[in-house]
Amino acid sequence: MAVVQISDIYNPLVFAAAVDEAAIETNAYIQSGVLVNSPQLDGLASVGGNIGELPFHHNLDKSGEPNYSTDDPAVFATPDNITTGKMIYILASMNKSWSTMDLARELALMDPLAAITRKIGQYWSTMMNKRIIASTQGIIADNIADEDDMSVTIYDDIATPLAANIISADAVLTVRQTMGDMMGDLSVIAMHSATFTNLNKQNLIDYIPNARGEIDFPTYLGMSVVVDDALPVITGTNTDAFHTYLYATGAFDNGSGRVMVPSELGRAADAGNGGGQDIIHSRKSEIIHPYGFQQLIAGTAGQSTTLAELKLAASWDRVVERKNVKIAVLIHNN
């Protein structure tokens, strides 16, 4: 039987495009609208350098009253000004390599290019998710240390949690209230699978049909549910603290930068005791940035911010008012 080699089906341009498409199709945060592509960030990510500024306009001052017109020509209105701000972002330049000996096992059973691109696309999708979650963890840590107006903690490190310590409609509504009259913008709730299972057992998860009429979109309190075990579970002495995140559409902006060689196929001729080994490389240059915050350069030791660094309060600082940050967090027992 003829054996399909990776080199037989590998086309760098087709491969890179297929990986990107697979990453988008499998990413729950993109599909739910939490992470949206920003053409502005695409452009900024491609101009060179790993640190940049994203300018924005603050909201107009809505306090007080408008001017009331008169017929006196000597009375002049004093216009208000529109203030601007900036959000600092840091580009993440990433790469990962895989041996084709691991990837080629299923090639005889399905289209080889589709198999490889799906696997690598899912890998980058997972990395995007982890950067969103780590960034959320970091900005909440910063917020708790500063304004402390974006999260609610009902967690108690006790052996037998009380009903008041466990996620509930009342607790989630309290978290939504941190957004004030903008609470309706929060349309997605991301939770750990253990939390999702507990709510399911109580018949509190609703399901709505997709475009084909299949019932498969879970919702809770009218919000789309994203189930992700990368959400923080902080170990306590007696019980663990679970993080549940609420997002609005566009809570995070995404921009993809230019990579000189997005993918390439390498060869290790001496691997396998001389039998040879193919290695496939995939590279990404991306900005994933929470709207309303700037990254603090001091929080990044290298050229790119690691997941561990994204989780630090020292990596973030809020630059807009609370209602303009479309994120809220509930910390609870499970």
C-alpha atoms as a PDB file:
ATOM      1  CA  MET A   1       0.000   0.000   0.000  1.00  0.00           C
ATOM      2  CA  ALA A   2       1.319   3.418  -0.923  1.00  0.00           C
ATOM      3  CA  VAL A   3       2.109   5.634   2.076  1.00  0.00           C
ATOM      4  CA  VAL A   4       1.156   9.312   1.983  1.00  0.00           C
ATOM      5  CA  GLN A   5       4.059  11.433   3.198  1.00  0.00           C
ATOM      6  CA  ILE A   6       3.559  14.880   4.723  1.00  0.00           C
ATOM      7  CA  SER A   7       5.776  16.371   2.039  1.00  0.00           C
ATOM      8  CA  ASP A   8       3.403  15.030  -0.606  1.00  0.00           C
ATOM      9  CA  ILE A   9       0.467  17.136   0.573  1.00  0.00           C
ATOM     10  CA  TYR A  10       2.129  20.112   2.264  1.00  0.00           C
ATOM     11  CA  ASN A  11       1.651  23.515   0.631  1.00  0.00           C
ATOM     12  CA  PRO A  12       2.784  26.362   2.940  1.00  0.00           C
ATOM     13  CA  LEU A  13       0.156  28.914   1.830  1.00  0.00           C
ATOM     14  CA  VAL A  14      -2.735  26.459   1.857  1.00  0.00           C
ATOM     15  CA  PHE A  15      -1.600  24.984   5.160  1.00  0.00           C
ATOM     16  CA  ALA A  16      -1.336  28.316   7.005  1.00  0.00           C
ATOM     17  CA  ALA A  17      -4.760  29.484   5.757  1.00  0.00           C
ATOM     18  CA  ALA A  18      -6.377  26.177   6.714  1.00  0.00           C
ATOM     19  CA  VAL A  19      -4.864  26.302  10.215  1.00  0.00           C
ATOM     20  CA  ASP A  20      -6.221  29.829  10.740  1.00  0.00           C
ATOM     21  CA  GLU A  21      -9.671  28.768   9.545  1.00  0.00           C
ATOM     22  CA  ALA A  22      -9.701  25.723  11.816  1.00  0.00           C
ATOM     23  CA  ALA A  23      -8.636  27.853  14.796  1.00  0.00           C
ATOM     24  CA  ILE A  24     -11.529  30.260  14.204  1.00  0.00           C
ATOM     25  CA  GLU A  25     -14.126  27.556  13.616  1.00  0.00           C
ATOM     26  CA  THR A  26     -13.272  25.731  16.848  1.00  0.00           C
ATOM     27  CA  ASN A  27     -12.923  28.769  19.113  1.00  0.00           C
ATOM     28  CA  ALA A  28     -15.916  29.261  21.392  1.00  0.00           C
ATOM     29  CA  TYR A  29     -14.871  32.804  22.342  1.00  0.00           C
ATOM     30  CA  ILE A  30     -14.781  33.859  18.692  1.00  0.00           C
ATOM     31  CA  GLN A  31     -18.049  32.103  17.875  1.00  0.00           C
ATOM     32  CA  SER A  32     -19.773  33.722  20.884  1.00  0.00           C
ATOM     33  CA  GLY A  33     -18.473  37.184  19.983  1.00  0.00           C
ATOM     34  CA  VAL A  34     -16.277  37.676  23.066  1.00  0.00           C
ATOM     35  CA  LEU A  35     -13.174  37.929  20.863  1.00  0.00           C
ATOM     36  CA  VAL A  36     -13.605  40.030  17.714  1.00  0.00           C
ATOM     37  CA  ASN A  37     -11.176  40.817  14.956  1.00  0.00           C
ATOM     38  CA  SER A  38      -9.996  44.418  14.799  1.00  0.00           C
ATOM     39  CA  PRO A  39      -8.704  45.621  11.422  1.00  0.00           C
ATOM     40  CA  GLN A  40      -6.939  48.389  13.335  1.00  0.00           C
ATOM     41  CA  LEU A  41      -5.060  45.837  15.442  1.00  0.00           C
ATOM     42  CA  ASP A  42      -4.314  43.787  12.321  1.00  0.00           C
ATOM     43  CA  GLY A  43      -2.586  46.842  10.921  1.00  0.00           C
ATOM     44  CA  LEU A  44      -0.765  47.686  14.132  1.00  0.00           C
ATOM     45  CA  ALA A  45       0.401  44.096  14.540  1.00  0.00           C
ATOM     46  CA  SER A  46       2.001  44.183  11.097  1.00  0.00           C
ATOM     47  CA  VAL A  47       4.022  47.405  11.312  1.00  0.00           C
ATOM     48  CA  GLY A  48       6.920  45.949  13.286  1.00  0.00           C
ATOM     49  CA  GLY A  49       7.832  46.074  16.966  1.00  0.00           C
ATOM     50  CA  ASN A  50       6.171  44.199  19.782  1.00  0.00           C
ATOM     51  CA  ILE A  51       4.749  47.122  21.827  1.00  0.00           C
ATOM     52  CA  GLY A  52       2.318  49.768  20.625  1.00  0.00           C
ATOM     53  CA  GLU A  53      -0.459  52.193  21.527  1.00  0.00           C
ATOM     54  CA  LEU A  54      -4.124  51.820  20.690  1.00  0.00           C
ATOM     55  CA  PRO A  55      -5.762  55.274  20.959  1.00  0.00           C
ATOM     56  CA  PHE A  56      -9.423  55.723  21.874  1.00  0.00           C
ATOM     57  CA  HIS A  57     -11.910  58.464  22.783  1.00  0.00           C
ATOM     58  CA  HIS A  58     -13.467  58.644  26.220  1.00  0.00           C
ATOM     59  CA  ASN A  59     -17.235  58.913  26.464  1.00  0.00           C
ATOM     60  CA  LEU A  60     -18.819  62.347  26.401  1.00  0.00           C
ATOM     61  CA  ASP A  61     -19.584  63.888  29.794  1.00  0.00           C
ATOM     62  CA  LYS A  62     -23.231  63.053  30.532  1.00  0.00           C
ATOM     63  CA  SER A  63     -23.424  64.731  33.924  1.00  0.00           C
ATOM     64  CA  GLY A  64     -25.381  67.916  34.424  1.00  0.00           C
ATOM     65  CA  GLU A  65     -27.719  69.345  31.800  1.00  0.00           C
ATOM     66  CA  PRO A  66     -27.479  70.598  28.225  1.00  0.00           C
ATOM     67  CA  ASN A  67     -27.407  74.307  27.378  1.00  0.00           C
ATOM     68  CA  TYR A  68     -30.782  76.012  27.053  1.00  0.00           C
ATOM     69  CA  SER A  69     -31.059  78.296  24.051  1.00  0.00           C
ATOM     70  CA  THR A  70     -31.860  81.982  24.448  1.00  0.00           C
ATOM     71  CA  ASP A  71     -32.420  84.936  22.126  1.00  0.00           C
ATOM     72  CA  ASP A  72     -29.600  86.915  23.740  1.00  0.00           C
ATOM     73  CA  PRO A  73     -26.728  87.279  21.192  1.00  0.00           C
ATOM     74  CA  ALA A  74     -24.305  88.172  23.982  1.00  0.00           C
ATOM     75  CA  VAL A  75     -24.609  84.734  25.630  1.00  0.00           C
ATOM     76  CA  PHE A  76     -22.197  82.159  24.229  1.00  0.00           C
ATOM     77  CA  ALA A  77     -22.153  78.429  24.870  1.00  0.00           C
ATOM     78  CA  THR A  78     -18.982  76.858  26.228  1.00  0.00           C
ATOM     79  CA  PRO A  79     -18.275  73.639  24.366  1.00  0.00           C
ATOM     80  CA  ASP A  80     -17.088  70.565  26.237  1.00  0.00           C
ATOM     81  CA  ASN A  81     -14.006  68.774  25.030  1.00  0.00           C
ATOM     82  CA  ILE A  82     -13.627  65.174  23.920  1.00  0.00           C
ATOM     83  CA  THR A  83     -10.769  63.546  25.778  1.00  0.00           C
ATOM     84  CA  THR A  84      -8.614  60.768  24.395  1.00  0.00           C
ATOM     85  CA  GLY A  85      -6.681  57.958  25.949  1.00  0.00           C
ATOM     86  CA  LYS A  86      -4.464  55.092  24.930  1.00  0.00           C
ATOM     87  CA  MET A  87      -4.209  51.406  25.603  1.00  0.00           C
ATOM     88  CA  ILE A  88      -0.768  49.808  25.513  1.00  0.00           C
ATOM     89  CA  TYR A  89      -0.678  46.380  23.889  1.00  0.00           C
ATOM     90  CA  ILE A  90       2.082  43.807  23.588  1.00  0.00           C
ATOM     91  CA  LEU A  91       2.319  41.543  20.560  1.00  0.00           C
ATOM     92  CA  ALA A  92       2.744  37.833  21.235  1.00  0.00           C
ATOM     93  CA  SER A  93       5.132  36.087  18.841  1.00  0.00           C
ATOM     94  CA  MET A  94       4.612  32.349  19.248  1.00  0.00           C
ATOM     95  CA  ASN A  95       5.640  29.120  17.587  1.00  0.00           C
ATOM     96  CA  LYS A  96       5.185  25.400  18.036  1.00  0.00           C
ATOM     97  CA  SER A  97       6.582  22.351  16.249  1.00  0.00           C
ATOM     98  CA  TRP A  98       5.345  18.794  15.884  1.00  0.00           C
ATOM     99  CA  SER A  99       6.848  15.587  14.601  1.00  0.00           C
ATOM    100  CA  THR A 100       4.886  14.151  11.727  1.00  0.00           C
ATOM    101  CA  MET A 101       5.359  10.674  13.163  1.00  0.00           C
ATOM    102  CA  ASP A 102       2.760  11.641  15.770  1.00  0.00           C
ATOM    103  CA  LEU A 103       0.461  13.368  13.286  1.00  0.00           C
ATOM    104  CA  ALA A 104       0.600  10.774  10.524  1.00  0.00           C
ATOM    105  CA  ARG A 105      -1.011   7.887  12.406  1.00  0.00           C
ATOM    106  CA  GLU A 106      -4.501   8.627  11.121  1.00  0.00           C
ATOM    107  CA  LEU A 107      -3.540   9.698   7.599  1.00  0.00           C
ATOM    108  CA  ALA A 108      -4.725   6.446   6.069  1.00  0.00           C
ATOM    109  CA  LEU A 109      -8.225   7.043   7.463  1.00  0.00           C
ATOM    110  CA  MET A 110      -8.930  10.616   6.374  1.00  0.00           C
ATOM    111  CA  ASP A 111      -7.723  13.505   4.286  1.00  0.00           C
ATOM    112  CA  PRO A 112      -4.168  14.090   5.587  1.00  0.00           C
ATOM    113  CA  LEU A 113      -4.103  17.864   5.153  1.00  0.00           C
ATOM    114  CA  ALA A 114      -7.456  18.242   6.891  1.00  0.00           C
ATOM    115  CA  ALA A 115      -6.302  16.018   9.756  1.00  0.00           C
ATOM    116  CA  ILE A 116      -3.118  17.980  10.377  1.00  0.00           C
ATOM    117  CA  THR A 117      -4.597  21.454   9.957  1.00  0.00           C
ATOM    118  CA  ARG A 118      -7.496  20.613  12.261  1.00  0.00           C
ATOM    119  CA  LYS A 119      -5.176  19.379  14.992  1.00  0.00           C
ATOM    120  CA  ILE A 120      -2.857  22.379  14.746  1.00  0.00           C
ATOM    121  CA  GLY A 121      -5.795  24.775  14.358  1.00  0.00           C
ATOM    122  CA  GLN A 122      -7.310  23.371  17.548  1.00  0.00           C
ATOM    123  CA  TYR A 123      -3.985  23.853  19.301  1.00  0.00           C
ATOM    124  CA  TRP A 124      -3.855  27.557  18.415  1.00  0.00           C
ATOM    125  CA  SER A 125      -7.548  27.923  19.283  1.00  0.00           C
ATOM    126  CA  THR A 126      -6.791  26.547  22.749  1.00  0.00           C
ATOM    127  CA  MET A 127      -3.852  28.932  23.126  1.00  0.00           C
ATOM    128  CA  MET A 128      -6.127  31.877  22.222  1.00  0.00           C
ATOM    129  CA  ASN A 129      -8.598  30.717  24.872  1.00  0.00           C
ATOM    130  CA  LYS A 130      -5.865  30.455  27.470  1.00  0.00           C
ATOM    131  CA  ARG A 131      -4.627  33.985  26.713  1.00  0.00           C
ATOM    132  CA  ILE A 132      -8.174  35.366  27.054  1.00  0.00           C
ATOM    133  CA  ILE A 133      -8.658  33.596  30.380  1.00  0.00           C
ATOM    134  CA  ALA A 134      -5.201  34.516  31.714  1.00  0.00           C
ATOM    135  CA  SER A 135      -5.761  38.156  30.736  1.00  0.00           C
ATOM    136  CA  THR A 136      -9.159  38.152  32.466  1.00  0.00           C
ATOM    137  CA  GLN A 137      -7.563  36.701  35.584  1.00  0.00           C
ATOM    138  CA  GLY A 138      -4.885  39.403  35.508  1.00  0.00           C
ATOM    139  CA  ILE A 139      -7.205  42.374  35.003  1.00  0.00           C
ATOM    140  CA  ILE A 140      -9.479  41.133  37.798  1.00  0.00           C
ATOM    141  CA  ALA A 141      -6.471  40.788  40.103  1.00  0.00           C
ATOM    142  CA  ASP A 142      -5.534  44.369  39.213  1.00  0.00           C
ATOM    143  CA  ASN A 143      -9.101  45.546  39.725  1.00  0.00           C
ATOM    144  CA  ILE A 144      -9.421  43.860  43.128  1.00  0.00           C
ATOM    145  CA  ALA A 145      -6.226  45.632  44.182  1.00  0.00           C
ATOM    146  CA  ASP A 146      -7.481  49.011  42.889  1.00  0.00           C
ATOM    147  CA  GLU A 147     -11.131  49.936  42.253  1.00  0.00           C
ATOM    148  CA  ASP A 148     -12.582  46.511  43.179  1.00  0.00           C
ATOM    149  CA  ASP A 149     -15.775  47.062  41.169  1.00  0.00           C
ATOM    150  CA  MET A 150     -15.705  44.284  38.563  1.00  0.00           C
ATOM    151  CA  SER A 151     -16.093  41.124  40.627  1.00  0.00           C
ATOM    152  CA  VAL A 152     -18.139  39.560  43.401  1.00  0.00           C
ATOM    153  CA  THR A 153     -16.736  36.906  45.748  1.00  0.00           C
ATOM    154  CA  ILE A 154     -19.099  34.522  47.503  1.00  0.00           C
ATOM    155  CA  TYR A 155     -16.412  31.873  48.021  1.00  0.00           C
ATOM    156  CA  ASP A 156     -15.646  30.651  51.512  1.00  0.00           C
ATOM    157  CA  ASP A 157     -12.893  28.147  52.249  1.00  0.00           C
ATOM    158  CA  ILE A 158     -15.028  25.878  54.399  1.00  0.00           C
ATOM    159  CA  ALA A 159     -15.414  22.105  54.289  1.00  0.00           C
ATOM    160  CA  THR A 160     -19.162  22.248  53.600  1.00  0.00           C
ATOM    161  CA  PRO A 161     -20.075  25.314  51.534  1.00  0.00           C
ATOM    162  CA  LEU A 162     -23.406  26.994  52.219  1.00  0.00           C
ATOM    163  CA  ALA A 163     -25.960  27.722  49.526  1.00  0.00           C
ATOM    164  CA  ALA A 164     -24.842  31.354  49.646  1.00  0.00           C
ATOM    165  CA  ASN A 165     -21.321  30.292  48.609  1.00  0.00           C
ATOM    166  CA  ILE A 166     -22.384  28.418  45.471  1.00  0.00           C
ATOM    167  CA  ILE A 167     -23.167  29.928  42.071  1.00  0.00           C
ATOM    168  CA  SER A 168     -26.817  30.869  41.717  1.00  0.00           C
ATOM    169  CA  ALA A 169     -29.041  33.178  39.728  1.00  0.00           C
ATOM    170  CA  ASP A 170     -28.960  35.644  42.617  1.00  0.00           C
ATOM    171  CA  ALA A 171     -25.139  35.686  42.662  1.00  0.00           C
ATOM    172  CA  VAL A 172     -24.858  36.066  38.882  1.00  0.00           C
ATOM    173  CA  LEU A 173     -27.377  38.913  38.876  1.00  0.00           C
ATOM    174  CA  THR A 174     -25.336  40.628  41.591  1.00  0.00           C
ATOM    175  CA  VAL A 175     -22.249  40.343  39.392  1.00  0.00           C
ATOM    176  CA  ARG A 176     -24.151  41.738  36.411  1.00  0.00           C
ATOM    177  CA  GLN A 177     -25.119  44.727  38.538  1.00  0.00           C
ATOM    178  CA  THR A 178     -21.456  45.774  38.664  1.00  0.00           C
ATOM    179  CA  MET A 179     -22.109  47.004  35.102  1.00  0.00           C
ATOM    180  CA  GLY A 180     -24.964  49.219  36.295  1.00  0.00           C
ATOM    181  CA  ASP A 181     -27.430  50.097  33.554  1.00  0.00           C
ATOM    182  CA  MET A 182     -25.093  48.453  31.006  1.00  0.00           C
ATOM    183  CA  MET A 183     -25.616  45.002  32.546  1.00  0.00           C
ATOM    184  CA  GLY A 184     -27.594  43.917  29.499  1.00  0.00           C
ATOM    185  CA  ASP A 185     -24.394  43.971  27.453  1.00  0.00           C
ATOM    186  CA  LEU A 186     -23.140  40.871  29.273  1.00  0.00           C
ATOM    187  CA  SER A 187     -24.280  38.128  26.919  1.00  0.00           C
ATOM    188  CA  VAL A 188     -21.778  35.289  27.479  1.00  0.00           C
ATOM    189  CA  ILE A 189     -20.967  33.350  30.635  1.00  0.00           C
ATOM    190  CA  ALA A 190     -17.841  31.157  30.711  1.00  0.00           C
ATOM    191  CA  MET A 191     -17.696  28.451  33.364  1.00  0.00           C
ATOM    192  CA  HIS A 192     -15.742  25.360  34.346  1.00  0.00           C
ATOM    193  CA  SER A 193     -17.272  22.034  33.318  1.00  0.00           C
ATOM    194  CA  ALA A 194     -17.835  21.125  36.991  1.00  0.00           C
ATOM    195  CA  THR A 195     -19.925  24.282  37.453  1.00  0.00           C
ATOM    196  CA  PHE A 196     -21.794  23.578  34.207  1.00  0.00           C
ATOM    197  CA  THR A 197     -22.578  20.035  35.362  1.00  0.00           C
ATOM    198  CA  ASN A 198     -23.916  21.238  38.724  1.00  0.00           C
ATOM    199  CA  LEU A 199     -26.228  23.751  37.033  1.00  0.00           C
ATOM    200  CA  ASN A 200     -27.313  21.081  34.555  1.00  0.00           C
ATOM    201  CA  LYS A 201     -28.208  18.714  37.398  1.00  0.00           C
ATOM    202  CA  GLN A 202     -30.493  21.433  38.748  1.00  0.00           C
ATOM    203  CA  ASN A 203     -32.089  21.834  35.285  1.00  0.00           C
ATOM    204  CA  LEU A 204     -30.917  25.453  35.207  1.00  0.00           C
ATOM    205  CA  ILE A 205     -29.258  25.213  31.797  1.00  0.00           C
ATOM    206  CA  ASP A 206     -31.515  25.899  28.819  1.00  0.00           C
ATOM    207  CA  TYR A 207     -30.791  24.788  25.278  1.00  0.00           C
ATOM    208  CA  ILE A 208     -31.710  26.595  22.085  1.00  0.00           C
ATOM    209  CA  PRO A 209     -31.664  25.223  18.511  1.00  0.00           C
ATOM    210  CA  ASN A 210     -28.944  25.990  16.023  1.00  0.00           C
ATOM    211  CA  ALA A 211     -29.523  26.876  12.370  1.00  0.00           C
ATOM    212  CA  ARG A 212     -30.334  23.238  11.593  1.00  0.00           C
ATOM    213  CA  GLY A 213     -32.884  23.001  14.359  1.00  0.00           C
ATOM    214  CA  GLU A 214     -30.623  20.861  16.551  1.00  0.00           C
ATOM    215  CA  ILE A 215     -30.793  21.665  20.269  1.00  0.00           C
ATOM    216  CA  ASP A 216     -27.198  22.256  21.228  1.00  0.00           C
ATOM    217  CA  PHE A 217     -26.608  25.863  22.350  1.00  0.00           C
ATOM    218  CA  PRO A 218     -26.610  26.016  26.180  1.00  0.00           C
ATOM    219  CA  THR A 219     -27.728  29.215  27.900  1.00  0.00           C
ATOM    220  CA  TYR A 220     -27.950  30.352  31.515  1.00  0.00           C
ATOM    221  CA  LEU A 221     -30.097  33.331  32.510  1.00  0.00           C
ATOM    222  CA  GLY A 222     -30.318  34.192  28.820  1.00  0.00           C
ATOM    223  CA  MET A 223     -26.536  34.238  28.351  1.00  0.00           C
ATOM    224  CA  SER A 224     -24.686  31.887  26.001  1.00  0.00           C
ATOM    225  CA  VAL A 225     -22.599  29.376  27.943  1.00  0.00           C
ATOM    226  CA  VAL A 226     -18.946  28.652  27.159  1.00  0.00           C
ATOM    227  CA  VAL A 227     -17.613  25.609  29.005  1.00  0.00           C
ATOM    228  CA  ASP A 228     -13.845  25.745  29.481  1.00  0.00           C
ATOM    229  CA  ASP A 229     -11.732  23.841  31.991  1.00  0.00           C
ATOM    230  CA  ALA A 230      -8.939  26.395  31.558  1.00  0.00           C
ATOM    231  CA  LEU A 231     -10.917  28.731  33.828  1.00  0.00           C
ATOM    232  CA  PRO A 232      -9.167  29.181  37.178  1.00  0.00           C
ATOM    233  CA  VAL A 233      -9.835  26.776  40.009  1.00  0.00           C
ATOM    234  CA  ILE A 234      -7.841  28.044  42.993  1.00  0.00           C
ATOM    235  CA  THR A 235      -6.974  25.367  45.545  1.00  0.00           C
ATOM    236  CA  GLY A 236      -8.036  26.180  49.087  1.00  0.00           C
ATOM    237  CA  THR A 237      -7.387  24.461  52.405  1.00  0.00           C
ATOM    238  CA  ASN A 238     -10.865  22.916  52.508  1.00  0.00           C
ATOM    239  CA  THR A 239     -12.513  23.663  49.136  1.00  0.00           C
ATOM    240  CA  ASP A 240     -11.529  25.160  45.813  1.00  0.00           C
ATOM    241  CA  ALA A 241     -12.495  28.590  44.497  1.00  0.00           C
ATOM    242  CA  PHE A 242     -14.031  28.554  41.010  1.00  0.00           C
ATOM    243  CA  HIS A 243     -13.968  31.541  38.653  1.00  0.00           C
ATOM    244  CA  THR A 244     -16.940  32.184  36.362  1.00  0.00           C
ATOM    245  CA  TYR A 245     -16.500  34.973  33.801  1.00  0.00           C
ATOM    246  CA  LEU A 246     -19.193  37.134  32.206  1.00  0.00           C
ATOM    247  CA  TYR A 247     -18.423  38.875  28.918  1.00  0.00           C
ATOM    248  CA  ALA A 248     -20.046  41.233  26.455  1.00  0.00           C
ATOM    249  CA  THR A 249     -19.552  41.098  22.715  1.00  0.00           C
ATOM    250  CA  GLY A 250     -16.195  42.622  21.840  1.00  0.00           C
ATOM    251  CA  ALA A 251     -14.745  42.327  25.339  1.00  0.00           C
ATOM    252  CA  PHE A 252     -11.472  41.386  23.637  1.00  0.00           C
ATOM    253  CA  ASP A 253     -10.001  42.648  20.382  1.00  0.00           C
ATOM    254  CA  ASN A 254      -7.761  40.501  18.225  1.00  0.00           C
ATOM    255  CA  GLY A 255      -5.215  41.399  15.578  1.00  0.00           C
ATOM    256  CA  SER A 256      -2.940  39.107  13.589  1.00  0.00           C
ATOM    257  CA  GLY A 257       0.513  40.277  12.617  1.00  0.00           C
ATOM    258  CA  ARG A 258       2.690  39.396   9.670  1.00  0.00           C
ATOM    259  CA  VAL A 259       4.857  36.328  10.095  1.00  0.00           C
ATOM    260  CA  MET A 260       7.700  35.920   7.623  1.00  0.00           C
ATOM    261  CA  VAL A 261       7.299  32.115   7.487  1.00  0.00           C
ATOM    262  CA  PRO A 262       3.974  31.071   9.066  1.00  0.00           C
ATOM    263  CA  SER A 263       4.713  27.388   8.575  1.00  0.00           C
ATOM    264  CA  GLU A 264       7.423  25.184   7.176  1.00  0.00           C
ATOM    265  CA  LEU A 265       8.412  21.574   6.972  1.00  0.00           C
ATOM    266  CA  GLY A 266      11.764  20.552   8.452  1.00  0.00           C
ATOM    267  CA  ARG A 267      13.780  17.381   8.225  1.00  0.00           C
ATOM    268  CA  ALA A 268      15.898  15.651  10.870  1.00  0.00           C
ATOM    269  CA  ALA A 269      17.800  13.117   8.824  1.00  0.00           C
ATOM    270  CA  ASP A 270      19.582  11.518  11.804  1.00  0.00           C
ATOM    271  CA  ALA A 271      16.417  11.041  13.907  1.00  0.00           C
ATOM    272  CA  GLY A 272      15.126   7.529  14.403  1.00  0.00           C
ATOM    273  CA  ASN A 273      18.673   6.250  14.396  1.00  0.00           C
ATOM    274  CA  GLY A 274      19.057   7.521  10.867  1.00  0.00           C
ATOM    275  CA  GLY A 275      15.587   6.566   9.698  1.00  0.00           C
ATOM    276  CA  GLY A 276      14.658  10.245   9.397  1.00  0.00           C
ATOM    277  CA  GLN A 277      11.903  12.422  10.781  1.00  0.00           C
ATOM    278  CA  ASP A 278       9.743  15.196   9.365  1.00  0.00           C
ATOM    279  CA  ILE A 279       8.934  18.168  11.615  1.00  0.00           C
ATOM    280  CA  ILE A 280       6.223  20.702  10.899  1.00  0.00           C
ATOM    281  CA  HIS A 281       6.538  24.215  12.350  1.00  0.00           C
ATOM    282  CA  SER A 282       3.701  26.680  12.923  1.00  0.00           C
ATOM    283  CA  ARG A 283       4.149  30.320  13.918  1.00  0.00           C
ATOM    284  CA  LYS A 284       1.746  33.031  15.095  1.00  0.00           C
ATOM    285  CA  SER A 285       2.023  36.743  15.753  1.00  0.00           C
ATOM    286  CA  GLU A 286      -1.066  38.011  17.559  1.00  0.00           C
ATOM    287  CA  ILE A 287      -2.558  40.689  19.763  1.00  0.00           C
ATOM    288  CA  ILE A 288      -5.357  39.592  22.089  1.00  0.00           C
ATOM    289  CA  HIS A 289      -6.287  42.644  24.128  1.00  0.00           C
ATOM    290  CA  PRO A 290      -9.096  43.379  26.635  1.00  0.00           C
ATOM    291  CA  TYR A 291     -10.820  46.650  25.824  1.00  0.00           C
ATOM    292  CA  GLY A 292     -10.410  49.288  28.531  1.00  0.00           C
ATOM    293  CA  PHE A 293      -7.084  48.091  29.897  1.00  0.00           C
ATOM    294  CA  GLN A 294      -3.481  48.714  28.994  1.00  0.00           C
ATOM    295  CA  GLN A 295      -0.669  46.260  29.453  1.00  0.00           C
ATOM    296  CA  LEU A 296       2.120  47.434  31.702  1.00  0.00           C
ATOM    297  CA  ILE A 297       5.454  46.816  30.037  1.00  0.00           C
ATOM    298  CA  ALA A 298       7.106  46.149  33.384  1.00  0.00           C
ATOM    299  CA  GLY A 299       4.983  43.005  33.715  1.00  0.00           C
ATOM    300  CA  THR A 300       6.629  41.357  30.690  1.00  0.00           C
ATOM    301  CA  ALA A 301      10.163  40.072  31.078  1.00  0.00           C
ATOM    302  CA  GLY A 302      10.759  38.980  27.481  1.00  0.00           C
ATOM    303  CA  GLN A 303       9.553  40.056  24.052  1.00  0.00           C
ATOM    304  CA  SER A 304       6.123  38.449  24.526  1.00  0.00           C
ATOM    305  CA  THR A 305       3.916  38.181  27.600  1.00  0.00           C
ATOM    306  CA  THR A 306       3.635  34.623  28.901  1.00  0.00           C
ATOM    307  CA  LEU A 307       0.445  33.112  30.310  1.00  0.00           C
ATOM    308  CA  ALA A 308       1.881  33.371  33.823  1.00  0.00           C
ATOM    309  CA  GLU A 309       2.629  37.076  33.286  1.00  0.00           C
ATOM    310  CA  LEU A 310      -0.851  37.768  31.860  1.00  0.00           C
ATOM    311  CA  LYS A 311      -2.354  36.496  35.127  1.00  0.00           C
ATOM    312  CA  LEU A 312      -0.490  39.096  37.213  1.00  0.00           C
ATOM    313  CA  ALA A 313      -2.123  42.289  38.479  1.00  0.00           C
ATOM    314  CA  ALA A 314       1.202  44.003  37.782  1.00  0.00           C
ATOM    315  CA  SER A 315       0.666  43.482  34.035  1.00  0.00           C
ATOM    316  CA  TRP A 316      -2.527  45.567  33.770  1.00  0.00           C
ATOM    317  CA  ASP A 317      -4.048  48.962  34.453  1.00  0.00           C
ATOM    318  CA  ARG A 318      -7.587  50.126  33.668  1.00  0.00           C
ATOM    319  CA  VAL A 319      -7.918  53.289  31.581  1.00  0.00           C
ATOM    320  CA  VAL A 320     -11.725  53.631  31.186  1.00  0.00           C
ATOM    321  CA  GLU A 321     -14.703  53.793  33.507  1.00  0.00           C
ATOM    322  CA  ARG A 322     -16.237  50.579  34.834  1.00  0.00           C
ATOM    323  CA  LYS A 323     -19.209  50.465  32.457  1.00  0.00           C
ATOM    324  CA  ASN A 324     -16.934  50.456  29.412  1.00  0.00           C
ATOM    325  CA  VAL A 325     -15.136  47.263  30.464  1.00  0.00           C
ATOM    326  CA  LYS A 326     -17.390  44.448  29.294  1.00  0.00           C
ATOM    327  CA  ILE A 327     -16.197  41.881  31.824  1.00  0.00           C
ATOM    328  CA  ALA A 328     -17.452  40.759  35.234  1.00  0.00           C
ATOM    329  CA  VAL A 329     -16.347  37.893  37.471  1.00  0.00           C
ATOM    330  CA  LEU A 330     -17.961  35.677  40.084  1.00  0.00           C
ATOM    331  CA  ILE A 331     -15.673  33.765  42.470  1.00  0.00           C
ATOM    332  CA  HIS A 332     -17.562  30.952  44.171  1.00  0.00           C
ATOM    333  CA  ASN A 333     -17.613  27.469  45.636  1.00  0.00           C
ATOM    334  CA  ASN A 334     -18.883  24.684  43.435  1.00  0.00           C
END
